[in-house]
């Protein structure tokens, strides 16, 4: 799933306290039938995104591209943490890409409420305090 919000803005939100992201997808006509036929919550094609109660954009389901696989292979050995990796040249700019990609990797606890709701709570590796980041998926 691709979220249309820069990681740096999420980091800024997290530095000021808890971050709660809600992704809402509307049920389309026949969607109830699709759920009954095995359509999973993650298979919804588009989402409205809210961060700490404010509407802030959208998210869309998509397949991994070459640059996504590059990021995943680069952070494969990282179990928990945050860092910066160089951006892979995608060939669209006619030269070497500039910039870096900020990533965050953590363990999440998954809580399934129903076929139409799931939540993910980031677990603090030190085991103290509550989740700093919570992500809610809702089909309404």
N, C-alpha and C. Protein backbone atom coordinates (compact mmCIF):
# COMPACT_ATOMS: atom_id res chain seq x y z
N UNK A 1 0.84 -1.17 0.00
CA UNK A 1 0.00 0.00 0.00
C UNK A 1 0.89 1.23 0.00
N UNK A 2 0.57 2.17 -0.81
CA UNK A 2 1.34 3.40 -0.91
C UNK A 2 0.55 4.52 -0.26
N UNK A 3 1.19 5.21 0.68
CA UNK A 3 0.56 6.32 1.38
C UNK A 3 1.12 7.62 0.83
N UNK A 4 0.23 8.53 0.48
CA UNK A 4 0.65 9.81 -0.10
C UNK A 4 0.92 10.83 1.00
N UNK A 5 1.88 10.51 1.82
CA UNK A 5 2.31 11.43 2.89
C UNK A 5 3.79 11.20 3.09
N UNK A 6 4.59 12.25 3.02
CA UNK A 6 6.04 12.07 3.18
C UNK A 6 6.39 11.50 4.55
N UNK A 7 7.36 10.60 4.56
CA UNK A 7 7.81 10.00 5.82
C UNK A 7 8.30 11.07 6.78
N UNK A 8 8.92 12.12 6.26
CA UNK A 8 9.43 13.18 7.13
C UNK A 8 8.32 13.85 7.92
N UNK A 9 7.13 14.00 7.31
CA UNK A 9 6.02 14.62 8.04
C UNK A 9 5.50 13.68 9.12
N UNK A 10 5.54 12.37 8.88
CA UNK A 10 5.15 11.41 9.92
C UNK A 10 6.16 11.43 11.06
N UNK A 11 7.43 11.56 10.74
CA UNK A 11 8.46 11.64 11.78
C UNK A 11 8.24 12.89 12.63
N UNK A 12 7.91 14.01 11.99
CA UNK A 12 7.61 15.23 12.74
C UNK A 12 6.41 15.04 13.66
N UNK A 13 5.37 14.38 13.16
CA UNK A 13 4.19 14.09 13.99
C UNK A 13 4.57 13.20 15.17
N UNK A 14 5.41 12.18 14.92
CA UNK A 14 5.80 11.25 15.98
C UNK A 14 6.65 11.95 17.04
N UNK A 15 7.44 12.93 16.63
CA UNK A 15 8.29 13.62 17.61
C UNK A 15 7.45 14.45 18.58
N UNK A 16 6.23 14.80 18.17
CA UNK A 16 5.37 15.59 19.04
C UNK A 16 4.41 14.72 19.85
N UNK A 17 4.48 13.41 19.72
CA UNK A 17 3.62 12.54 20.50
C UNK A 17 3.11 11.36 19.69
N UNK A 18 1.98 10.85 20.08
CA UNK A 18 1.38 9.69 19.44
C UNK A 18 0.88 10.03 18.04
N UNK A 19 0.97 9.06 17.14
CA UNK A 19 0.44 9.23 15.79
C UNK A 19 -0.57 8.12 15.55
N UNK A 20 -1.75 8.54 15.12
CA UNK A 20 -2.81 7.60 14.78
C UNK A 20 -3.19 7.84 13.33
N UNK A 21 -3.01 6.81 12.52
CA UNK A 21 -3.36 6.88 11.11
C UNK A 21 -4.58 6.01 10.89
N UNK A 22 -5.60 6.60 10.29
CA UNK A 22 -6.80 5.85 9.93
C UNK A 22 -6.92 5.84 8.42
N UNK A 23 -7.08 4.66 7.86
CA UNK A 23 -7.29 4.51 6.43
C UNK A 23 -8.69 3.97 6.24
N UNK A 24 -9.53 4.75 5.58
CA UNK A 24 -10.92 4.37 5.38
C UNK A 24 -11.19 4.09 3.91
N UNK A 25 -11.87 2.99 3.66
CA UNK A 25 -12.27 2.62 2.31
C UNK A 25 -13.79 2.48 2.31
N UNK A 26 -14.42 3.05 1.30
CA UNK A 26 -15.87 2.97 1.22
C UNK A 26 -16.28 1.66 0.57
N UNK A 27 -17.36 1.08 1.11
CA UNK A 27 -17.93 -0.12 0.49
C UNK A 27 -18.60 0.30 -0.80
N UNK A 28 -18.26 -0.38 -1.86
CA UNK A 28 -18.89 -0.14 -3.16
C UNK A 28 -20.11 -1.04 -3.27
N UNK A 29 -20.99 -0.74 -4.21
CA UNK A 29 -22.11 -1.65 -4.44
C UNK A 29 -21.56 -3.01 -4.78
N UNK A 30 -22.11 -4.00 -4.14
CA UNK A 30 -21.63 -5.36 -4.35
C UNK A 30 -20.43 -5.69 -3.50
N UNK A 31 -19.94 -4.72 -2.73
CA UNK A 31 -18.77 -4.96 -1.89
C UNK A 31 -19.05 -5.99 -0.81
N UNK A 32 -20.28 -5.96 -0.27
CA UNK A 32 -20.63 -6.95 0.75
C UNK A 32 -20.55 -8.35 0.16
N UNK A 33 -20.97 -8.47 -1.10
CA UNK A 33 -20.87 -9.75 -1.79
C UNK A 33 -19.40 -10.12 -1.98
N UNK A 34 -18.57 -9.13 -2.31
CA UNK A 34 -17.13 -9.38 -2.51
C UNK A 34 -16.49 -9.84 -1.21
N UNK A 35 -16.89 -9.23 -0.07
CA UNK A 35 -16.35 -9.65 1.22
C UNK A 35 -16.73 -11.10 1.49
N UNK A 36 -17.96 -11.43 1.18
CA UNK A 36 -18.42 -12.81 1.41
C UNK A 36 -17.69 -13.79 0.51
N UNK A 37 -17.24 -13.32 -0.65
CA UNK A 37 -16.50 -14.18 -1.57
C UNK A 37 -15.01 -14.20 -1.28
N UNK A 38 -14.59 -13.63 -0.16
CA UNK A 38 -13.19 -13.71 0.25
C UNK A 38 -12.38 -12.46 0.00
N UNK A 39 -12.98 -11.35 -0.40
CA UNK A 39 -12.22 -10.12 -0.61
C UNK A 39 -11.75 -9.61 0.75
N UNK A 40 -10.46 -9.49 0.87
CA UNK A 40 -9.88 -9.08 2.14
C UNK A 40 -9.76 -7.57 2.22
N UNK A 41 -9.64 -7.09 3.44
CA UNK A 41 -9.55 -5.66 3.68
C UNK A 41 -8.38 -5.04 2.91
N UNK A 42 -7.25 -5.73 2.85
CA UNK A 42 -6.07 -5.21 2.15
C UNK A 42 -6.25 -5.16 0.64
N UNK A 43 -7.28 -5.79 0.13
CA UNK A 43 -7.50 -5.80 -1.32
C UNK A 43 -8.33 -4.62 -1.80
N UNK A 44 -8.75 -3.75 -0.88
CA UNK A 44 -9.47 -2.53 -1.29
C UNK A 44 -8.50 -1.67 -2.10
N UNK A 45 -8.94 -1.11 -3.22
CA UNK A 45 -8.00 -0.40 -4.10
C UNK A 45 -7.60 1.00 -3.64
N UNK A 46 -8.48 1.71 -2.92
CA UNK A 46 -8.13 3.08 -2.52
C UNK A 46 -8.68 3.39 -1.14
N UNK A 47 -7.98 4.32 -0.49
CA UNK A 47 -8.28 4.66 0.90
C UNK A 47 -8.19 6.17 1.09
N UNK A 48 -9.00 6.70 2.01
CA UNK A 48 -8.85 8.07 2.46
C UNK A 48 -8.02 8.01 3.73
N UNK A 49 -7.04 8.89 3.85
CA UNK A 49 -6.11 8.84 4.98
C UNK A 49 -6.35 9.99 5.94
N UNK A 50 -6.38 9.65 7.22
CA UNK A 50 -6.49 10.63 8.31
C UNK A 50 -5.29 10.43 9.22
N UNK A 51 -4.69 11.51 9.66
CA UNK A 51 -3.57 11.45 10.60
C UNK A 51 -3.94 12.30 11.81
N UNK A 52 -4.02 11.66 12.95
CA UNK A 52 -4.43 12.32 14.20
C UNK A 52 -5.73 13.10 14.01
N UNK A 53 -6.67 12.48 13.31
CA UNK A 53 -8.00 13.06 13.14
C UNK A 53 -8.16 14.04 12.00
N UNK A 54 -7.08 14.39 11.32
CA UNK A 54 -7.15 15.35 10.22
C UNK A 54 -7.01 14.61 8.88
N UNK A 55 -7.91 14.92 7.96
CA UNK A 55 -7.82 14.33 6.63
C UNK A 55 -6.56 14.84 5.96
N UNK A 56 -5.73 13.93 5.47
CA UNK A 56 -4.44 14.39 4.94
C UNK A 56 -4.06 13.73 3.62
N UNK A 57 -5.00 13.11 2.95
CA UNK A 57 -4.63 12.56 1.65
C UNK A 57 -5.28 11.23 1.38
N UNK A 58 -4.55 10.38 0.70
CA UNK A 58 -5.08 9.10 0.26
C UNK A 58 -3.98 8.05 0.31
N UNK A 59 -4.40 6.82 0.16
CA UNK A 59 -3.49 5.70 0.01
C UNK A 59 -4.07 4.80 -1.08
N UNK A 60 -3.23 4.08 -1.77
CA UNK A 60 -3.68 3.20 -2.84
C UNK A 60 -2.91 1.89 -2.81
N UNK A 61 -3.61 0.82 -3.11
CA UNK A 61 -2.98 -0.48 -3.21
C UNK A 61 -2.25 -0.56 -4.56
N UNK A 62 -1.04 -1.07 -4.54
CA UNK A 62 -0.29 -1.22 -5.77
C UNK A 62 0.70 -2.37 -5.61
N UNK A 63 1.28 -2.80 -6.71
CA UNK A 63 2.27 -3.86 -6.65
C UNK A 63 3.66 -3.25 -6.48
N UNK A 64 4.57 -4.04 -5.98
CA UNK A 64 5.94 -3.57 -5.77
C UNK A 64 6.65 -3.40 -7.11
N UNK A 65 7.34 -2.28 -7.24
CA UNK A 65 8.16 -2.03 -8.41
C UNK A 65 9.63 -2.29 -8.07
N UNK A 66 10.50 -2.02 -9.02
CA UNK A 66 11.93 -2.26 -8.83
C UNK A 66 12.49 -1.48 -7.65
N UNK A 67 12.09 -0.21 -7.53
CA UNK A 67 12.61 0.60 -6.43
C UNK A 67 12.11 0.10 -5.07
N UNK A 68 10.86 -0.42 -5.04
CA UNK A 68 10.33 -1.00 -3.79
C UNK A 68 11.14 -2.22 -3.37
N UNK A 69 11.44 -3.09 -4.34
CA UNK A 69 12.22 -4.29 -4.02
C UNK A 69 13.63 -3.91 -3.57
N UNK A 70 14.17 -2.84 -4.14
CA UNK A 70 15.48 -2.34 -3.71
C UNK A 70 15.44 -1.95 -2.24
N UNK A 71 14.41 -1.20 -1.84
CA UNK A 71 14.29 -0.78 -0.44
C UNK A 71 14.13 -2.00 0.46
N UNK A 72 13.26 -2.92 0.10
CA UNK A 72 13.03 -4.11 0.92
C UNK A 72 14.29 -4.96 1.07
N UNK A 73 15.05 -5.11 0.00
CA UNK A 73 16.28 -5.90 0.09
C UNK A 73 17.35 -5.17 0.90
N UNK A 74 17.35 -3.83 0.84
CA UNK A 74 18.33 -3.06 1.59
C UNK A 74 18.08 -3.15 3.09
N UNK A 75 16.82 -3.12 3.50
CA UNK A 75 16.51 -3.15 4.94
C UNK A 75 16.20 -4.56 5.45
N UNK A 76 16.43 -5.56 4.64
CA UNK A 76 16.13 -6.95 5.00
C UNK A 76 16.77 -7.36 6.32
N UNK A 77 18.00 -6.95 6.56
CA UNK A 77 18.70 -7.38 7.77
C UNK A 77 18.38 -6.51 8.99
N UNK A 78 17.59 -5.46 8.80
CA UNK A 78 17.22 -4.59 9.92
C UNK A 78 15.95 -5.15 10.55
N UNK A 79 16.00 -5.44 11.85
CA UNK A 79 14.79 -5.94 12.51
C UNK A 79 13.98 -4.81 13.12
N UNK A 80 14.65 -3.85 13.72
CA UNK A 80 13.98 -2.70 14.33
C UNK A 80 14.90 -1.50 14.19
N UNK A 81 14.34 -0.35 13.81
CA UNK A 81 15.14 0.86 13.76
C UNK A 81 14.70 1.78 12.65
N UNK A 82 15.43 2.86 12.51
CA UNK A 82 15.16 3.85 11.48
C UNK A 82 16.49 4.27 10.88
N UNK A 83 16.43 4.75 9.66
CA UNK A 83 17.66 5.17 9.00
C UNK A 83 17.37 5.80 7.66
N UNK A 84 18.43 5.98 6.90
CA UNK A 84 18.35 6.62 5.60
C UNK A 84 19.10 5.75 4.60
N UNK A 85 18.50 5.54 3.43
CA UNK A 85 19.18 4.79 2.36
C UNK A 85 19.13 5.63 1.09
N UNK A 86 20.08 5.44 0.18
CA UNK A 86 20.06 6.22 -1.07
C UNK A 86 18.90 5.79 -1.95
N UNK A 87 18.39 6.73 -2.73
CA UNK A 87 17.29 6.46 -3.65
C UNK A 87 17.84 5.75 -4.87
N UNK A 88 17.12 4.73 -5.33
CA UNK A 88 17.51 3.99 -6.53
C UNK A 88 17.16 4.82 -7.76
N UNK A 89 18.07 4.88 -8.73
CA UNK A 89 17.82 5.59 -9.98
C UNK A 89 16.72 4.86 -10.73
N UNK A 90 15.62 5.55 -11.01
CA UNK A 90 14.51 4.91 -11.72
C UNK A 90 14.56 5.11 -13.23
N UNK A 91 15.56 5.82 -13.70
CA UNK A 91 15.73 6.01 -15.14
C UNK A 91 14.84 7.09 -15.73
N UNK A 92 13.94 7.66 -14.96
CA UNK A 92 13.01 8.65 -15.49
C UNK A 92 13.60 10.06 -15.49
N UNK A 93 14.65 10.27 -14.73
CA UNK A 93 15.20 11.62 -14.62
C UNK A 93 16.39 11.84 -15.54
N UNK A 94 16.78 10.82 -16.24
CA UNK A 94 17.87 10.95 -17.19
C UNK A 94 19.24 11.00 -16.55
N UNK A 95 19.35 10.50 -15.34
CA UNK A 95 20.64 10.51 -14.66
C UNK A 95 20.49 9.92 -13.28
N UNK A 96 21.54 10.08 -12.50
CA UNK A 96 21.51 9.53 -11.14
C UNK A 96 20.48 10.27 -10.30
N UNK A 97 19.75 9.50 -9.50
CA UNK A 97 18.76 10.10 -8.61
C UNK A 97 19.45 10.82 -7.48
N UNK A 98 18.82 11.87 -7.05
CA UNK A 98 19.34 12.61 -5.91
C UNK A 98 18.44 12.34 -4.73
N UNK A 99 19.01 12.40 -3.55
CA UNK A 99 18.20 12.29 -2.35
C UNK A 99 18.34 10.96 -1.66
N UNK A 100 17.65 10.90 -0.55
CA UNK A 100 17.69 9.71 0.28
C UNK A 100 16.29 9.38 0.71
N UNK A 101 16.11 8.15 1.13
CA UNK A 101 14.82 7.66 1.60
C UNK A 101 14.92 7.37 3.09
N UNK A 102 14.04 7.96 3.85
CA UNK A 102 13.97 7.72 5.28
C UNK A 102 13.07 6.51 5.50
N UNK A 103 13.52 5.54 6.29
CA UNK A 103 12.70 4.36 6.56
C UNK A 103 12.61 4.14 8.06
N UNK A 104 11.57 3.42 8.44
CA UNK A 104 11.37 3.03 9.83
C UNK A 104 10.88 1.59 9.81
N UNK A 105 11.50 0.76 10.60
CA UNK A 105 11.13 -0.66 10.65
C UNK A 105 10.85 -1.01 12.10
N UNK A 106 9.72 -1.67 12.34
CA UNK A 106 9.33 -1.99 13.70
C UNK A 106 8.43 -3.22 13.70
N UNK A 107 8.20 -3.75 14.89
CA UNK A 107 7.24 -4.83 15.07
C UNK A 107 5.88 -4.22 15.37
N UNK A 108 4.85 -4.82 14.81
CA UNK A 108 3.49 -4.35 15.03
C UNK A 108 2.64 -5.50 15.56
N UNK A 109 1.74 -5.16 16.45
CA UNK A 109 0.74 -6.12 16.91
C UNK A 109 -0.51 -5.89 16.06
N UNK A 110 -1.05 -6.97 15.51
CA UNK A 110 -2.23 -6.88 14.65
C UNK A 110 -3.46 -7.31 15.45
N UNK A 111 -4.49 -6.49 15.38
CA UNK A 111 -5.75 -6.79 16.06
C UNK A 111 -6.86 -6.73 15.01
N UNK A 112 -7.55 -7.85 14.82
CA UNK A 112 -8.65 -7.92 13.86
C UNK A 112 -9.95 -7.70 14.62
N UNK A 113 -10.68 -6.65 14.23
CA UNK A 113 -11.96 -6.36 14.88
C UNK A 113 -13.11 -7.08 14.18
N UNK A 114 -13.08 -7.09 12.86
CA UNK A 114 -14.10 -7.74 12.04
C UNK A 114 -13.55 -7.87 10.63
N UNK A 115 -14.40 -8.32 9.70
CA UNK A 115 -13.97 -8.38 8.30
C UNK A 115 -13.70 -6.99 7.75
N UNK A 116 -14.27 -5.97 8.40
CA UNK A 116 -14.16 -4.60 7.91
C UNK A 116 -13.27 -3.72 8.76
N UNK A 117 -12.53 -4.27 9.72
CA UNK A 117 -11.66 -3.42 10.54
C UNK A 117 -10.47 -4.22 11.09
N UNK A 118 -9.31 -3.59 11.00
CA UNK A 118 -8.08 -4.13 11.57
C UNK A 118 -7.27 -2.97 12.12
N UNK A 119 -6.45 -3.26 13.10
CA UNK A 119 -5.58 -2.24 13.67
C UNK A 119 -4.18 -2.83 13.83
N UNK A 120 -3.18 -1.96 13.68
CA UNK A 120 -1.79 -2.34 13.87
C UNK A 120 -1.18 -1.35 14.86
N UNK A 121 -0.59 -1.88 15.92
CA UNK A 121 0.02 -1.06 16.96
C UNK A 121 1.51 -1.32 16.98
N UNK A 122 2.31 -0.26 16.78
CA UNK A 122 3.76 -0.41 16.79
C UNK A 122 4.21 -0.73 18.21
N UNK A 123 5.01 -1.79 18.34
CA UNK A 123 5.50 -2.20 19.65
C UNK A 123 6.84 -1.56 19.93
N UNK A 124 6.98 -0.99 21.10
CA UNK A 124 8.22 -0.38 21.52
C UNK A 124 9.21 -1.49 21.85
N UNK A 125 10.40 -1.53 21.23
CA UNK A 125 11.34 -2.63 21.49
C UNK A 125 11.83 -2.67 22.93
N UNK A 126 11.75 -1.55 23.63
CA UNK A 126 12.20 -1.52 25.02
C UNK A 126 11.12 -2.01 25.97
N UNK A 127 9.91 -2.22 25.45
CA UNK A 127 8.84 -2.79 26.24
C UNK A 127 8.15 -1.85 27.20
N UNK A 128 8.46 -0.57 27.14
CA UNK A 128 7.79 0.36 28.05
C UNK A 128 6.94 1.35 27.27
N UNK A 129 5.89 1.84 27.90
CA UNK A 129 5.03 2.82 27.25
C UNK A 129 4.10 2.18 26.24
N UNK A 130 3.18 2.96 25.74
CA UNK A 130 2.23 2.49 24.75
C UNK A 130 2.77 2.66 23.35
N UNK A 131 1.94 2.34 22.35
CA UNK A 131 2.39 2.48 20.96
C UNK A 131 2.51 3.93 20.56
N UNK A 132 3.59 4.26 19.87
CA UNK A 132 3.77 5.61 19.35
C UNK A 132 3.04 5.78 18.03
N UNK A 133 2.80 4.66 17.35
CA UNK A 133 2.16 4.69 16.04
C UNK A 133 1.08 3.62 16.00
N UNK A 134 -0.12 4.01 15.63
CA UNK A 134 -1.22 3.09 15.46
C UNK A 134 -1.80 3.31 14.08
N UNK A 135 -2.11 2.22 13.38
CA UNK A 135 -2.69 2.30 12.05
C UNK A 135 -3.99 1.51 12.05
N UNK A 136 -5.07 2.16 11.63
CA UNK A 136 -6.38 1.54 11.61
C UNK A 136 -6.86 1.44 10.18
N UNK A 137 -7.35 0.27 9.78
CA UNK A 137 -7.94 0.06 8.46
C UNK A 137 -9.42 -0.17 8.67
N UNK A 138 -10.24 0.63 8.00
CA UNK A 138 -11.69 0.55 8.17
C UNK A 138 -12.37 0.55 6.82
N UNK A 139 -13.30 -0.38 6.64
CA UNK A 139 -14.13 -0.39 5.45
C UNK A 139 -15.53 0.06 5.90
N UNK A 140 -15.95 1.25 5.45
CA UNK A 140 -17.23 1.80 5.93
C UNK A 140 -18.27 1.89 4.83
